[in-house]
Protein backbone atom coordinates (compact mmCIF):
# COMPACT_ATOMS: atom_id res chain seq x y z
CA MET A 1 -147.99 -48.98 110.57
CA ALA A 2 -145.11 -50.98 109.11
CA LYS A 3 -141.82 -51.04 110.95
CA GLU A 4 -138.81 -49.58 109.23
CA PHE A 5 -135.60 -51.48 108.57
CA ASP A 6 -132.98 -50.39 111.11
CA HIS A 7 -129.85 -50.10 109.00
CA THR A 8 -127.69 -49.34 112.07
CA GLN A 9 -128.04 -52.95 113.19
CA LEU A 10 -125.95 -54.21 110.27
CA LYS A 11 -122.93 -52.16 111.24
CA LYS A 12 -123.39 -52.83 114.96
CA LEU A 13 -123.48 -56.59 114.39
CA ARG A 14 -120.59 -56.55 111.94
CA GLU A 15 -118.39 -54.47 114.23
CA PHE A 16 -119.34 -56.56 117.28
CA LEU A 17 -118.08 -59.63 115.41
CA LYS A 18 -115.00 -57.68 114.25
CA TRP A 19 -115.78 -58.34 110.59
CA THR A 20 -114.80 -56.06 107.75
CA LEU A 21 -117.20 -55.42 104.90
CA ARG A 22 -115.13 -57.87 102.86
CA ASN A 23 -115.46 -60.54 105.59
CA LEU A 24 -119.22 -60.11 105.57
CA MET A 25 -119.33 -60.20 101.77
CA VAL A 26 -117.41 -63.51 101.74
CA LYS A 27 -119.58 -65.04 104.47
CA LEU A 28 -122.71 -64.09 102.55
CA SER A 29 -121.33 -65.47 99.30
CA THR A 30 -120.77 -68.87 100.94
CA MET A 31 -124.52 -68.85 101.62
CA GLY A 32 -125.31 -68.18 97.97
CA PHE A 33 -125.88 -64.46 98.50
CA ASP A 34 -123.64 -62.47 96.16
CA VAL A 35 -123.41 -58.82 97.13
CA THR A 36 -120.73 -56.16 96.73
CA GLU A 37 -118.97 -54.28 99.50
CA GLN A 38 -120.53 -51.07 98.13
CA THR A 39 -124.02 -52.54 98.46
CA LEU A 40 -123.29 -53.56 102.05
CA LEU A 41 -121.97 -50.08 102.78
CA ASN A 42 -125.11 -48.54 101.26
CA TRP A 43 -127.26 -50.75 103.51
CA GLU A 44 -125.23 -49.82 106.59
CA ASN A 45 -125.50 -46.11 105.78
CA GLY A 46 -129.23 -46.34 105.09
CA ASP A 47 -128.79 -45.22 101.47
CA THR A 48 -130.59 -48.36 100.31
CA THR A 49 -132.41 -51.23 102.02
CA PRO A 50 -131.95 -54.93 101.35
CA ASP A 51 -134.82 -56.71 99.63
CA ALA A 52 -137.06 -58.67 101.98
CA ASP A 53 -135.94 -61.99 100.48
CA LYS A 54 -132.35 -61.20 101.57
CA LEU A 55 -133.22 -60.70 105.24
CA PRO A 56 -133.27 -64.39 106.24
CA VAL A 57 -129.74 -64.79 104.85
CA LEU A 58 -128.49 -61.65 106.63
CA ALA A 59 -130.06 -62.80 109.88
CA ALA A 60 -128.58 -66.29 109.52
CA VAL A 61 -125.05 -65.06 108.83
CA PHE A 62 -125.20 -62.96 112.01
CA GLY A 63 -126.98 -65.66 114.01
CA VAL A 64 -129.94 -63.42 114.88
CA GLY A 65 -133.63 -63.31 114.07
CA ILE A 66 -135.02 -61.07 111.34
CA GLU A 67 -136.77 -59.02 114.01
CA ARG A 68 -133.33 -57.70 115.02
CA PHE A 69 -133.51 -55.48 111.94
CA TYR A 70 -136.99 -54.20 112.89
CA PRO A 71 -136.71 -53.23 116.56
CA GLU A 72 -139.56 -51.72 118.54
CA LYS A 73 -139.39 -47.97 118.66
């Protein structure tokens, strides 16, 4: 059984670092990952899920491993 992406981790990490959605968007863009604030909000709310190829960049910007987004249940 495949693990599901835990969208709550995005908001938890962002708020822990005291970043706004705009801050996160800018940090991601410096890593060559262009995304809108609305897309980030959709990911945080679980309305959509980032593509698998985006996960290494998300993990790197937060300084965590990809597994952080797929926690054990």
